Amino acid sequence: MRKKITEMRVSNIDLENASLAKRQRWAELQTEEVEKLYAEIQSKLKQIPKEQWTTWDVESLKRVEAILGNRRADEIRNDIERIMTLAGLSYGLERASHYKKHEMLKKLRDKGEGT
C-alpha cells in the first residue's frame, strides 16, 4: 500500500535538491501560514495592555512585520514580472535599463550640485 505524501520521509538531500516549482509552492504555503499567524497575533494584541509588552516583544513584532512586508513585495514583483512577460517584455532587461538610467540621472544631478 502506498504511503500518503504526509507520511513519507523526506531526506535533507531531497530538501536541498528540490525543484523550483516545489520550492515556490513551499514558500507559498509558508507565507500563508505566516500571514495566518500574524493575523492571530494582531487580534490577541488588542486584548493585551501595552504595558505588559517587553522591548523584545515590540522588536520581534517589528521583525515579523518586516518579513511579511518583504514576502508581500516579492509576490508583487513576481506578479509584475509575469505581466511584463505576457506583454512580451523582459523583466530583467527592463529592470536593468531602469537602474542604468537612474544611475546616469543621479550622476548628472550630483555633478550639477558639485559645480
Foldseek 3Di string as FASTA:
>chain_A
DDDDPVPDDDDVVCVVPPDPVVVVVVVVVVLVVLVVVLVVVVVVVVVDDPVPDDPVNVVVNVVSVVVNVVVVVVVVLVVVCVVCVVVVHHPVVVVVVVVVVVVVVVVVVVVVVVD
